[in-house]
Amino acid sequence: MREYEVLRLLARRLGNREIATRLHLSPRTVEKHVASLLTKTGLPNRTALSELAETTPEH
């Protein structure tokens, strides 16, 4: 669930600190979520994740 929330905020081009503040997490936790998303999707970087998030419908 948190990874999905991080993904949605990546679509807004927010940095780790901004995402951490909005979700009440540490920036390091956000980094781990981003790394996990990159591994799961096979995408090369957070820009690609942002583009994916923009095309993913919200629940």
Protein backbone atom coordinates (compact mmCIF):
# COMPACT_ATOMS: atom_id res chain seq x y z
CA MET A 1 0.00 0.00 0.00
CA ARG A 2 2.75 2.46 0.91
CA GLU A 3 4.61 1.70 -2.30
CA TYR A 4 1.49 2.61 -4.25
CA GLU A 5 1.21 5.90 -2.33
CA VAL A 6 4.88 6.63 -3.06
CA LEU A 7 4.29 5.84 -6.74
CA ARG A 8 1.33 8.25 -6.90
CA LEU A 9 3.45 11.03 -5.38
CA LEU A 10 6.31 10.29 -7.77
CA ALA A 11 3.87 11.16 -10.56
CA ARG A 12 3.78 14.67 -9.09
CA ARG A 13 7.59 14.81 -9.40
CA LEU A 14 8.09 15.12 -5.64
CA GLY A 15 11.43 14.37 -4.04
CA ASN A 16 12.01 11.80 -1.30
CA ARG A 17 11.85 14.38 1.48
CA GLU A 18 8.58 15.84 0.20
CA ILE A 19 7.07 12.36 -0.14
CA ALA A 20 8.33 11.42 3.33
CA THR A 21 6.74 14.51 4.85
CA ARG A 22 3.38 13.89 3.17
CA LEU A 23 3.28 10.23 4.20
CA HIS A 24 4.85 10.72 7.65
CA LEU A 25 7.79 8.47 6.80
CA SER A 26 11.55 8.90 6.90
CA PRO A 27 13.28 9.83 3.63
CA ARG A 28 15.23 6.55 3.88
CA THR A 29 11.97 4.56 3.97
CA VAL A 30 10.85 6.39 0.84
CA GLU A 31 14.19 5.53 -0.81
CA LYS A 32 13.58 1.85 0.00
CA HIS A 33 10.08 2.00 -1.48
CA VAL A 34 11.41 3.63 -4.66
CA ALA A 35 14.16 1.00 -4.94
CA SER A 36 11.60 -1.76 -4.46
CA LEU A 37 9.35 -0.27 -7.14
CA LEU A 38 12.28 -0.05 -9.55
CA THR A 39 13.12 -3.71 -8.92
CA LYS A 40 9.52 -4.87 -9.28
CA THR A 41 8.88 -2.92 -12.49
CA GLY A 42 12.31 -3.34 -14.07
CA LEU A 43 12.35 0.36 -14.87
CA PRO A 44 15.69 2.18 -14.94
CA ASN A 45 14.97 5.26 -12.79
CA ARG A 46 12.43 7.33 -10.87
CA THR A 47 11.59 9.37 -13.96
CA ALA A 48 10.39 6.19 -15.65
CA LEU A 49 8.42 5.35 -12.49
CA SER A 50 6.83 8.79 -12.62
CA GLU A 51 5.78 8.21 -16.21
CA LEU A 52 4.33 4.83 -15.27
CA ALA A 53 2.42 6.40 -12.39
CA GLU A 54 0.91 8.98 -14.71
CA THR A 55 -0.58 6.22 -16.86
CA THR A 56 -1.72 4.00 -13.96
CA PRO A 57 -5.36 4.54 -12.99
CA GLU A 58 -6.03 5.42 -9.36
CA HIS A 59 -8.07 3.05 -7.21
